[in-house]
Amino acid sequence: ELARPARDITIGEIVRLTEDNMALVECFGAATSNCKLIP
C-alpha cells in the first residue's frame, strides 16, 4: 500500500527516482560530449 498519501507523491520525484539518465541531449553531460559548440 502507499506509505504516504497520493496527494504527497509527485510524478517528478518518481521520475527522478527511477530514471538513471536525465540528460535530454548529449551535451547535458558536457564532460562526455565532444561538441565544440557547448560554450
Full PDB file with SEQRES, HELIX, SHEET, SSBOND, CRYST1, ORIGX, SCALE, CONECT and MASTER records, all heavy atoms in Angstrom:
SEQRES   1 A   39  GLU LEU ALA ARG PRO ALA ARG ASP ILE THR ILE GLY GLU          
SEQRES   2 A   39  ILE VAL ARG LEU THR GLU ASP ASN MET ALA LEU VAL GLU          
SEQRES   3 A   39  CYS PHE GLY ALA ALA THR SER ASN CYS LYS LEU ILE PRO          
HELIX    1 AA1 ALA A    6  ASP A    8  5                                   3    
HELIX    2 AA2 ILE A   11  THR A   18  1                                   8    
HELIX    3 AA3 GLU A   26  GLY A   29  5                                   4    
CRYST1    1.000    1.000    1.000  90.00  90.00  90.00 P 1           1          
ORIGX1      1.000000  0.000000  0.000000        0.00000                         
ORIGX2      0.000000  1.000000  0.000000        0.00000                         
ORIGX3      0.000000  0.000000  1.000000        0.00000                         
SCALE1      1.000000  0.000000  0.000000        0.00000                         
SCALE2      0.000000  1.000000  0.000000        0.00000                         
SCALE3      0.000000  0.000000  1.000000        0.00000                         
ATOM      1  N   GLU A   1       0.852  -1.191   0.000  1.00  0.00           N  
ATOM      2  CA  GLU A   1       0.000   0.000   0.000  1.00  0.00           C  
ATOM      3  C   GLU A   1       0.885   1.238   0.000  1.00  0.00           C  
ATOM      4  O   GLU A   1       2.083   1.155   0.273  1.00  0.00           O  
ATOM      5  CB  GLU A   1      -0.938  -0.010   1.201  1.00  0.00           C  
ATOM      6  CG  GLU A   1      -0.223  -0.040   2.529  1.00  0.00           C  
ATOM      7  CD  GLU A   1      -1.148  -0.327   3.704  1.00  0.00           C  
ATOM      8  OE1 GLU A   1      -2.372  -0.432   3.506  1.00  0.00           O  
ATOM      9  OE2 GLU A   1      -0.632  -0.430   4.816  1.00  0.00           O  
ATOM     10  N   LEU A   2       0.285   2.361  -0.319  1.00  0.00           N  
ATOM     11  CA  LEU A   2       1.034   3.613  -0.292  1.00  0.00           C  
ATOM     12  C   LEU A   2       1.490   3.907   1.135  1.00  0.00           C  
ATOM     13  O   LEU A   2       0.727   3.737   2.081  1.00  0.00           O  
ATOM     14  CB  LEU A   2       0.176   4.774  -0.802  1.00  0.00           C  
ATOM     15  CG  LEU A   2      -0.215   4.750  -2.270  1.00  0.00           C  
ATOM     16  CD1 LEU A   2      -1.118   5.943  -2.596  1.00  0.00           C  
ATOM     17  CD2 LEU A   2       1.011   4.755  -3.162  1.00  0.00           C  
ATOM     18  N   ALA A   3       2.714   4.345   1.275  1.00  0.00           N  
ATOM     19  CA  ALA A   3       3.243   4.717   2.588  1.00  0.00           C  
ATOM     20  C   ALA A   3       2.940   6.177   2.906  1.00  0.00           C  
ATOM     21  O   ALA A   3       3.027   6.600   4.059  1.00  0.00           O  
ATOM     22  CB  ALA A   3       4.755   4.474   2.641  1.00  0.00           C  
ATOM     23  N   ARG A   4       2.620   6.932   1.868  1.00  0.00           N  
ATOM     24  CA  ARG A   4       2.259   8.345   2.018  1.00  0.00           C  
ATOM     25  C   ARG A   4       0.977   8.585   1.233  1.00  0.00           C  
ATOM     26  O   ARG A   4       0.691   7.854   0.290  1.00  0.00           O  
ATOM     27  CB  ARG A   4       3.367   9.238   1.436  1.00  0.00           C  
ATOM     28  CG  ARG A   4       4.687   9.063   2.144  1.00  0.00           C  
ATOM     29  CD  ARG A   4       5.836   9.889   1.617  1.00  0.00           C  
ATOM     30  NE  ARG A   4       5.615  10.858   0.589  1.00  0.00           N  
ATOM     31  CZ  ARG A   4       6.555  11.250  -0.265  1.00  0.00           C  
ATOM     32  NH1 ARG A   4       7.765  10.746  -0.215  1.00  0.00           N  
ATOM     33  NH2 ARG A   4       6.301  12.161  -1.170  1.00  0.00           N  
ATOM     34  N   PRO A   5       0.227   9.618   1.566  1.00  0.00           N  
ATOM     35  CA  PRO A   5      -0.965   9.919   0.772  1.00  0.00           C  
ATOM     36  C   PRO A   5      -0.599  10.228  -0.686  1.00  0.00           C  
ATOM     37  O   PRO A   5       0.453  10.825  -0.963  1.00  0.00           O  
ATOM     38  CB  PRO A   5      -1.544  11.165   1.452  1.00  0.00           C  
ATOM     39  CG  PRO A   5      -0.957  11.172   2.828  1.00  0.00           C  
ATOM     40  CD  PRO A   5       0.395  10.523   2.699  1.00  0.00           C  
ATOM     41  N   ALA A   6      -1.458   9.828  -1.597  1.00  0.00           N  
ATOM     42  CA  ALA A   6      -1.223  10.052  -3.025  1.00  0.00           C  
ATOM     43  C   ALA A   6      -1.031  11.535  -3.339  1.00  0.00           C  
ATOM     44  O   ALA A   6      -0.283  11.880  -4.253  1.00  0.00           O  
ATOM     45  CB  ALA A   6      -2.378   9.476  -3.845  1.00  0.00           C  
ATOM     46  N   ARG A   7      -1.642  12.383  -2.571  1.00  0.00           N  
ATOM     47  CA  ARG A   7      -1.511  13.838  -2.808  1.00  0.00           C  
ATOM     48  C   ARG A   7      -0.122  14.357  -2.454  1.00  0.00           C  
ATOM     49  O   ARG A   7       0.251  15.474  -2.802  1.00  0.00           O  
ATOM     50  CB  ARG A   7      -2.589  14.603  -2.043  1.00  0.00           C  
ATOM     51  CG  ARG A   7      -2.405  14.621  -0.557  1.00  0.00           C  
ATOM     52  CD  ARG A   7      -3.491  15.400   0.198  1.00  0.00           C  
ATOM     53  NE  ARG A   7      -3.299  15.304   1.618  1.00  0.00           N  
ATOM     54  CZ  ARG A   7      -3.698  14.284   2.381  1.00  0.00           C  
ATOM     55  NH1 ARG A   7      -4.338  13.280   1.845  1.00  0.00           N  
ATOM     56  NH2 ARG A   7      -3.466  14.287   3.682  1.00  0.00           N  
ATOM     57  N   ASP A   8       0.661  13.537  -1.729  1.00  0.00           N  
ATOM     58  CA  ASP A   8       2.005  13.942  -1.312  1.00  0.00           C  
ATOM     59  C   ASP A   8       3.121  13.320  -2.151  1.00  0.00           C  
ATOM     60  O   ASP A   8       4.297  13.491  -1.835  1.00  0.00           O  
ATOM     61  CB  ASP A   8       2.232  13.581   0.160  1.00  0.00           C  
ATOM     62  CG  ASP A   8       1.335  14.370   1.103  1.00  0.00           C  
ATOM     63  OD1 ASP A   8       0.821  15.431   0.698  1.00  0.00           O  
ATOM     64  OD2 ASP A   8       1.133  13.904   2.245  1.00  0.00           O  
ATOM     65  N   ILE A   9       2.760  12.599  -3.194  1.00  0.00           N  
ATOM     66  CA  ILE A   9       3.755  11.959  -4.061  1.00  0.00           C  
ATOM     67  C   ILE A   9       3.659  12.600  -5.441  1.00  0.00           C  
ATOM     68  O   ILE A   9       2.622  12.507  -6.104  1.00  0.00           O  
ATOM     69  CB  ILE A   9       3.512  10.438  -4.186  1.00  0.00           C  
ATOM     70  CG1 ILE A   9       3.523   9.771  -2.804  1.00  0.00           C  
ATOM     71  CG2 ILE A   9       4.550   9.810  -5.118  1.00  0.00           C  
ATOM     72  CD1 ILE A   9       3.080   8.320  -2.815  1.00  0.00           C  
ATOM     73  N   THR A  10       4.733  13.255  -5.875  1.00  0.00           N  
ATOM     74  CA  THR A  10       4.694  13.896  -7.188  1.00  0.00           C  
ATOM     75  C   THR A  10       5.264  12.972  -8.264  1.00  0.00           C  
ATOM     76  O   THR A  10       6.112  12.120  -7.986  1.00  0.00           O  
ATOM     77  CB  THR A  10       5.468  15.231  -7.224  1.00  0.00           C  
ATOM     78  OG1 THR A  10       6.863  14.966  -7.122  1.00  0.00           O  
ATOM     79  CG2 THR A  10       5.000  16.184  -6.129  1.00  0.00           C  
ATOM     80  N   ILE A  11       4.790  13.177  -9.462  1.00  0.00           N  
ATOM     81  CA  ILE A  11       5.287  12.416 -10.602  1.00  0.00           C  
ATOM     82  C   ILE A  11       6.777  12.727 -10.806  1.00  0.00           C  
ATOM     83  O   ILE A  11       7.573  11.836 -11.083  1.00  0.00           O  
ATOM     84  CB  ILE A  11       4.489  12.749 -11.889  1.00  0.00           C  
ATOM     85  CG1 ILE A  11       2.981  12.544 -11.672  1.00  0.00           C  
ATOM     86  CG2 ILE A  11       5.005  11.957 -13.081  1.00  0.00           C  
ATOM     87  CD1 ILE A  11       2.561  11.170 -11.289  1.00  0.00           C  
ATOM     88  N   GLY A  12       7.162  13.976 -10.607  1.00  0.00           N  
ATOM     89  CA  GLY A  12       8.557  14.379 -10.784  1.00  0.00           C  
ATOM     90  C   GLY A  12       9.511  13.621  -9.885  1.00  0.00           C  
ATOM     91  O   GLY A  12      10.588  13.194 -10.315  1.00  0.00           O  
ATOM     92  N   GLU A  13       9.133  13.428  -8.619  1.00  0.00           N  
ATOM     93  CA  GLU A  13      10.047  12.716  -7.717  1.00  0.00           C  
ATOM     94  C   GLU A  13      10.177  11.248  -8.100  1.00  0.00           C  
ATOM     95  O   GLU A  13      11.252  10.660  -7.976  1.00  0.00           O  
ATOM     96  CB  GLU A  13       9.656  12.899  -6.249  1.00  0.00           C  
ATOM     97  CG  GLU A  13       8.317  12.342  -5.853  1.00  0.00           C  
ATOM     98  CD  GLU A  13       7.890  12.772  -4.454  1.00  0.00           C  
ATOM     99  OE1 GLU A  13       8.427  12.217  -3.462  1.00  0.00           O  
ATOM    100  OE2 GLU A  13       7.015  13.636  -4.346  1.00  0.00           O  
ATOM    101  N   ILE A  14       9.123  10.661  -8.635  1.00  0.00           N  
ATOM    102  CA  ILE A  14       9.196   9.259  -9.067  1.00  0.00           C  
ATOM    103  C   ILE A  14      10.046   9.142 -10.327  1.00  0.00           C  
ATOM    104  O   ILE A  14      10.849   8.214 -10.466  1.00  0.00           O  
ATOM    105  CB  ILE A  14       7.788   8.669  -9.279  1.00  0.00           C  
ATOM    106  CG1 ILE A  14       6.957   8.752  -7.986  1.00  0.00           C  
ATOM    107  CG2 ILE A  14       7.861   7.239  -9.805  1.00  0.00           C  
ATOM    108  CD1 ILE A  14       7.601   8.102  -6.775  1.00  0.00           C  
ATOM    109  N   VAL A  15       9.900  10.088 -11.235  1.00  0.00           N  
ATOM    110  CA  VAL A  15      10.732  10.079 -12.445  1.00  0.00           C  
ATOM    111  C   VAL A  15      12.204  10.207 -12.063  1.00  0.00           C  
ATOM    112  O   VAL A  15      13.048   9.458 -12.560  1.00  0.00           O  
ATOM    113  CB  VAL A  15      10.298  11.194 -13.430  1.00  0.00           C  
ATOM    114  CG1 VAL A  15      11.315  11.388 -14.543  1.00  0.00           C  
ATOM    115  CG2 VAL A  15       8.924  10.880 -14.014  1.00  0.00           C  
ATOM    116  N   ARG A  16      12.523  11.112 -11.169  1.00  0.00           N  
ATOM    117  CA  ARG A  16      13.921  11.265 -10.733  1.00  0.00           C  
ATOM    118  C   ARG A  16      14.437  10.010 -10.023  1.00  0.00           C  
ATOM    119  O   ARG A  16      15.589   9.631 -10.169  1.00  0.00           O  
ATOM    120  CB  ARG A  16      14.087  12.499  -9.846  1.00  0.00           C  
ATOM    121  CG  ARG A  16      14.182  13.793 -10.634  1.00  0.00           C  
ATOM    122  CD  ARG A  16      14.584  14.963  -9.757  1.00  0.00           C  
ATOM    123  NE  ARG A  16      13.525  15.363  -8.854  1.00  0.00           N  
ATOM    124  CZ  ARG A  16      12.452  16.088  -9.211  1.00  0.00           C  
ATOM    125  NH1 ARG A  16      12.331  16.507 -10.455  1.00  0.00           N  
ATOM    126  NH2 ARG A  16      11.534  16.406  -8.337  1.00  0.00           N  
ATOM    127  N   LEU A  17      13.570   9.346  -9.261  1.00  0.00           N  
ATOM    128  CA  LEU A  17      13.960   8.134  -8.549  1.00  0.00           C  
ATOM    129  C   LEU A  17      14.268   6.989  -9.517  1.00  0.00           C  
ATOM    130  O   LEU A  17      15.212   6.234  -9.310  1.00  0.00           O  
ATOM    131  CB  LEU A  17      12.830   7.699  -7.594  1.00  0.00           C  
ATOM    132  CG  LEU A  17      13.005   6.344  -6.911  1.00  0.00           C  
ATOM    133  CD1 LEU A  17      14.101   6.416  -5.857  1.00  0.00           C  
ATOM    134  CD2 LEU A  17      11.684   5.878  -6.306  1.00  0.00           C  
ATOM    135  N   THR A  18      13.494   6.873 -10.572  1.00  0.00           N  
ATOM    136  CA  THR A  18      13.564   5.687 -11.428  1.00  0.00           C  
ATOM    137  C   THR A  18      14.383   5.864 -12.698  1.00  0.00           C  
ATOM    138  O   THR A  18      14.758   4.871 -13.322  1.00  0.00           O  
ATOM    139  CB  THR A  18      12.150   5.212 -11.803  1.00  0.00           C  
ATOM    140  OG1 THR A  18      11.439   6.299 -12.411  1.00  0.00           O  
ATOM    141  CG2 THR A  18      11.392   4.729 -10.576  1.00  0.00           C  
ATOM    142  N   GLU A  19      14.663   7.076 -13.083  1.00  0.00           N  
ATOM    143  CA  GLU A  19      15.442   7.308 -14.304  1.00  0.00           C  
ATOM    144  C   GLU A  19      16.921   7.456 -13.965  1.00  0.00           C  
ATOM    145  O   GLU A  19      17.288   8.274 -13.134  1.00  0.00           O  
ATOM    146  CB  GLU A  19      14.960   8.564 -15.039  1.00  0.00           C  
ATOM    147  CG  GLU A  19      13.618   8.415 -15.706  1.00  0.00           C  
ATOM    148  CD  GLU A  19      13.603   7.390 -16.823  1.00  0.00           C  
ATOM    149  OE1 GLU A  19      14.566   7.307 -17.616  1.00  0.00           O  
ATOM    150  OE2 GLU A  19      12.610   6.648 -16.909  1.00  0.00           O  
ATOM    151  N   ASP A  20      17.740   6.655 -14.616  1.00  0.00           N  
ATOM    152  CA  ASP A  20      19.182   6.725 -14.393  1.00  0.00           C  
ATOM    153  C   ASP A  20      19.829   7.893 -15.124  1.00  0.00           C  
ATOM    154  O   ASP A  20      20.803   8.457 -14.660  1.00  0.00           O  
ATOM    155  CB  ASP A  20      19.856   5.428 -14.845  1.00  0.00           C  
ATOM    156  CG  ASP A  20      19.476   4.260 -13.961  1.00  0.00           C  
ATOM    157  OD1 ASP A  20      19.205   4.483 -12.771  1.00  0.00           O  
ATOM    158  OD2 ASP A  20      19.462   3.127 -14.466  1.00  0.00           O  
ATOM    159  N   ASN A  21      19.299   8.234 -16.275  1.00  0.00           N  
ATOM    160  CA  ASN A  21      19.914   9.274 -17.096  1.00  0.00           C  
ATOM    161  C   ASN A  21      18.866  10.312 -17.470  1.00  0.00           C  
ATOM    162  O   ASN A  21      17.983  10.039 -18.282  1.00  0.00           O  
ATOM    163  CB  ASN A  21      20.528   8.663 -18.355  1.00  0.00           C  
ATOM    164  CG  ASN A  21      21.220   9.682 -19.220  1.00  0.00           C  
ATOM    165  OD1 ASN A  21      21.310  10.863 -18.881  1.00  0.00           O  
ATOM    166  ND2 ASN A  21      21.705   9.239 -20.357  1.00  0.00           N  
ATOM    167  N   MET A  22      18.969  11.476 -16.891  1.00  0.00           N  
ATOM    168  CA  MET A  22      18.003  12.540 -17.167  1.00  0.00           C  
ATOM    169  C   MET A  22      18.531  13.532 -18.216  1.00  0.00           C  
ATOM    170  O   MET A  22      17.919  14.553 -18.448  1.00  0.00           O  
ATOM    171  CB  MET A  22      17.676  13.289 -15.875  1.00  0.00           C  
ATOM    172  CG  MET A  22      17.003  12.439 -14.820  1.00  0.00           C  
ATOM    173  SD  MET A  22      15.295  12.067 -15.201  1.00  0.00           S  
ATOM    174  CE  MET A  22      14.527  13.626 -14.803  1.00  0.00           C  
ATOM    175  N   ALA A  23      19.657  13.208 -18.840  1.00  0.00           N  
ATOM    176  CA  ALA A  23      20.219  14.101 -19.855  1.00  0.00           C  
ATOM    177  C   ALA A  23      19.345  14.057 -21.102  1.00  0.00           C  
ATOM    178  O   ALA A  23      19.202  13.017 -21.731  1.00  0.00           O  
ATOM    179  CB  ALA A  23      21.636  13.692 -20.191  1.00  0.00           C  
ATOM    180  N   LEU A  24      18.767  15.170 -21.440  1.00  0.00           N  
ATOM    181  CA  LEU A  24      17.896  15.264 -22.600  1.00  0.00           C  
ATOM    182  C   LEU A  24      18.692  15.125 -23.898  1.00  0.00           C  
ATOM    183  O   LEU A  24      18.262  14.463 -24.831  1.00  0.00           O  
ATOM    184  CB  LEU A  24      17.144  16.601 -22.571  1.00  0.00           C  
ATOM    185  CG  LEU A  24      16.083  16.835 -23.616  1.00  0.00           C  
ATOM    186  CD1 LEU A  24      14.981  15.786 -23.536  1.00  0.00           C  
ATOM    187  CD2 LEU A  24      15.478  18.225 -23.436  1.00  0.00           C  
ATOM    188  N   VAL A  25      19.846  15.721 -23.925  1.00  0.00           N  
ATOM    189  CA  VAL A  25      20.734  15.631 -25.091  1.00  0.00           C  
ATOM    190  C   VAL A  25      22.157  15.378 -24.604  1.00  0.00           C  
ATOM    191  O   VAL A  25      22.490  15.601 -23.443  1.00  0.00           O  
ATOM    192  CB  VAL A  25      20.684  16.914 -25.967  1.00  0.00           C  
ATOM    193  CG1 VAL A  25      19.360  17.034 -26.697  1.00  0.00           C  
ATOM    194  CG2 VAL A  25      20.935  18.158 -25.151  1.00  0.00           C  
ATOM    195  N   GLU A  26      22.993  14.917 -25.502  1.00  0.00           N  
ATOM    196  CA  GLU A  26      24.377  14.551 -25.172  1.00  0.00           C  
ATOM    197  C   GLU A  26      25.118  15.672 -24.441  1.00  0.00           C  
ATOM    198  O   GLU A  26      25.863  15.423 -23.499  1.00  0.00           O  
ATOM    199  CB  GLU A  26      25.116  14.180 -26.454  1.00  0.00           C  
ATOM    200  CG  GLU A  26      26.587  13.929 -26.256  1.00  0.00           C  
ATOM    201  CD  GLU A  26      27.373  13.899 -27.559  1.00  0.00           C  
ATOM    202  OE1 GLU A  26      26.788  14.159 -28.630  1.00  0.00           O  
ATOM    203  OE2 GLU A  26      28.571  13.644 -27.489  1.00  0.00           O  
ATOM    204  N   CYS A  27      24.907  16.888 -24.850  1.00  0.00           N  
ATOM    205  CA  CYS A  27      25.694  17.985 -24.279  1.00  0.00           C  
ATOM    206  C   CYS A  27      25.305  18.325 -22.843  1.00  0.00           C  
ATOM    207  O   CYS A  27      25.997  19.093 -22.183  1.00  0.00           O  
ATOM    208  CB  CYS A  27      25.612  19.218 -25.167  1.00  0.00           C  
ATOM    209  SG  CYS A  27      23.954  19.843 -25.445  1.00  0.00           S  
ATOM    210  N   PHE A  28      24.221  17.739 -22.303  1.00  0.00           N  
ATOM    211  CA  PHE A  28      23.913  17.949 -20.890  1.00  0.00           C  
ATOM    212  C   PHE A  28      24.955  17.275 -20.017  1.00  0.00           C  
ATOM    213  O   PHE A  28      25.180  17.664 -18.895  1.00  0.00           O  
ATOM    214  CB  PHE A  28      22.519  17.424 -20.554  1.00  0.00           C  
ATOM    215  CG  PHE A  28      21.408  18.379 -20.926  1.00  0.00           C  
ATOM    216  CD1 PHE A  28      21.615  19.454 -21.760  1.00  0.00           C  
ATOM    217  CD2 PHE A  28      20.142  18.170 -20.430  1.00  0.00           C  
ATOM    218  CE1 PHE A  28      20.588  20.318 -22.096  1.00  0.00           C  
ATOM    219  CE2 PHE A  28      19.097  19.022 -20.760  1.00  0.00           C  
ATOM    220  CZ  PHE A  28      19.324  20.098 -21.590  1.00  0.00           C  
ATOM    221  N   GLY A  29      25.601  16.265 -20.543  1.00  0.00           N  
ATOM    222  CA  GLY A  29      26.720  15.636 -19.862  1.00  0.00           C  
ATOM    223  C   GLY A  29      27.999  16.151 -20.490  1.00  0.00           C  
ATOM    224  O   GLY A  29      28.732  15.407 -21.123  1.00  0.00           O  
ATOM    225  N   ALA A  30      28.267  17.423 -20.381  1.00  0.00           N  
ATOM    226  CA  ALA A  30      29.348  18.100 -21.108  1.00  0.00           C  
ATOM    227  C   ALA A  30      30.701  17.416 -20.981  1.00  0.00           C  
ATOM    228  O   ALA A  30      31.518  17.490 -21.893  1.00  0.00           O  
ATOM    229  CB  ALA A  30      29.451  19.553 -20.658  1.00  0.00           C  
ATOM    230  N   ALA A  31      30.948  16.735 -19.878  1.00  0.00           N  
ATOM    231  CA  ALA A  31      32.240  16.074 -19.691  1.00  0.00           C  
ATOM    232  C   ALA A  31      32.451  14.950 -20.704  1.00  0.00           C  
ATOM    233  O   ALA A  31      33.579  14.648 -21.068  1.00  0.00           O  
ATOM    234  CB  ALA A  31      32.351  15.526 -18.277  1.00  0.00           C  
ATOM    235  N   THR A  32      31.369  14.359 -21.172  1.00  0.00           N  
ATOM    236  CA  THR A  32      31.487  13.252 -22.125  1.00  0.00           C  
ATOM    237  C   THR A  32      31.146  13.671 -23.550  1.00  0.00           C  
ATOM    238  O   THR A  32      31.233  12.866 -24.464  1.00  0.00           O  
ATOM    239  CB  THR A  32      30.568  12.086 -21.713  1.00  0.00           C  
ATOM    240  OG1 THR A  32      29.221  12.554 -21.672  1.00  0.00           O  
ATOM    241  CG2 THR A  32      30.973  11.524 -20.362  1.00  0.00           C  
ATOM    242  N   SER A  33      30.764  14.896 -23.741  1.00  0.00           N  
ATOM    243  CA  SER A  33      30.394  15.377 -25.069  1.00  0.00           C  
ATOM    244  C   SER A  33      31.622  15.922 -25.802  1.00  0.00           C  
ATOM    245  O   SER A  33      32.497  16.535 -25.210  1.00  0.00           O  
ATOM    246  CB  SER A  33      29.348  16.489 -24.968  1.00  0.00           C  
ATOM    247  OG  SER A  33      29.033  16.987 -26.245  1.00  0.00           O  
ATOM    248  N   ASN A  34      31.646  15.707 -27.105  1.00  0.00           N  
ATOM    249  CA  ASN A  34      32.749  16.251 -27.888  1.00  0.00           C  
ATOM    250  C   ASN A  34      32.282  17.398 -28.789  1.00  0.00           C  
ATOM    251  O   ASN A  34      32.961  17.760 -29.731  1.00  0.00           O  
ATOM    252  CB  ASN A  34      33.435  15.148 -28.700  1.00  0.00           C  
ATOM    253  CG  ASN A  34      32.480  14.497 -29.682  1.00  0.00           C  
ATOM    254  OD1 ASN A  34      31.334  14.915 -29.812  1.00  0.00           O  
ATOM    255  ND2 ASN A  34      32.939  13.467 -30.372  1.00  0.00           N  
ATOM    256  N   CYS A  35      31.131  17.973 -28.464  1.00  0.00           N  
ATOM    257  CA  CYS A  35      30.599  19.076 -29.266  1.00  0.00           C  
ATOM    258  C   CYS A  35      31.402  20.354 -29.003  1.00  0.00           C  
ATOM    259  O   CYS A  35      31.588  20.770 -27.857  1.00  0.00           O  
ATOM    260  CB  CYS A  35      29.136  19.307 -28.936  1.00  0.00           C  
ATOM    261  SG  CYS A  35      28.400  20.663 -29.882  1.00  0.00           S  
ATOM    262  N   LYS A  36      31.843  20.970 -30.063  1.00  0.00           N  
ATOM    263  CA  LYS A  36      32.648  22.193 -29.943  1.00  0.00           C  
ATOM    264  C   LYS A  36      31.806  23.428 -29.651  1.00  0.00           C  
ATOM    265  O   LYS A  36      32.332  24.481 -29.332  1.00  0.00           O  
ATOM    266  CB  LYS A  36      33.449  22.401 -31.224  1.00  0.00           C  
ATOM    267  CG  LYS A  36      34.490  21.319 -31.429  1.00  0.00           C  
ATOM    268  CD  LYS A  36      35.266  21.545 -32.686  1.00  0.00           C  
ATOM    269  CE  LYS A  36      36.309  20.442 -32.839  1.00  0.00           C  
ATOM    270  NZ  LYS A  36      37.225  20.684 -33.917  1.00  0.00           N  
ATOM    271  N   LEU A  37      30.487  23.296 -29.768  1.00  0.00           N  
ATOM    272  CA  LEU A  37      29.605  24.443 -29.564  1.00  0.00           C  
ATOM    273  C   LEU A  37      29.161  24.640 -28.113  1.00  0.00           C  
ATOM    274  O   LEU A  37      28.528  25.642 -27.794  1.00  0.00           O  
ATOM    275  CB  LEU A  37      28.366  24.307 -30.450  1.00  0.00           C  
ATOM    276  CG  LEU A  37      28.622  24.269 -31.957  1.00  0.00           C  
ATOM    277  CD1 LEU A  37      27.317  24.055 -32.692  1.00  0.00           C  
ATOM    278  CD2 LEU A  37      29.314  25.537 -32.418  1.00  0.00           C  
ATOM    279  N   ILE A  38      29.471  23.716 -27.238  1.00  0.00           N  
ATOM    280  CA  ILE A  38      28.969  23.772 -25.858  1.00  0.00           C  
ATOM    281  C   ILE A  38      29.158  25.148 -25.208  1.00  0.00           C  
ATOM    282  O   ILE A  38      28.211  25.688 -24.643  1.00  0.00           O  
ATOM    283  CB  ILE A  38      29.569  22.643 -24.990  1.00  0.00           C  
ATOM    284  CG1 ILE A  38      28.929  21.319 -25.393  1.00  0.00           C  
ATOM    285  CG2 ILE A  38      29.349  22.903 -23.500  1.00  0.00           C  
ATOM    286  CD1 ILE A  38      29.475  20.111 -24.675  1.00  0.00           C  
ATOM    287  N   PRO A  39      30.306  25.773 -25.289  1.00  0.00           N  
ATOM    288  CA  PRO A  39      30.470  27.057 -24.595  1.00  0.00           C  
ATOM    289  C   PRO A  39      29.586  28.190 -25.135  1.00  0.00           C  
ATOM    290  O   PRO A  39      29.300  29.145 -24.414  1.00  0.00           O  
ATOM    291  CB  PRO A  39      31.949  27.404 -24.811  1.00  0.00           C  
ATOM    292  CG  PRO A  39      32.609  26.142 -25.229  1.00  0.00           C  
ATOM    293  CD  PRO A  39      31.563  25.318 -25.885  1.00  0.00           C  
TER     294      PRO A  39                                                      
MASTER        0    0    0    3    0    0    0    6  293    1    0    3          
END                                                                             
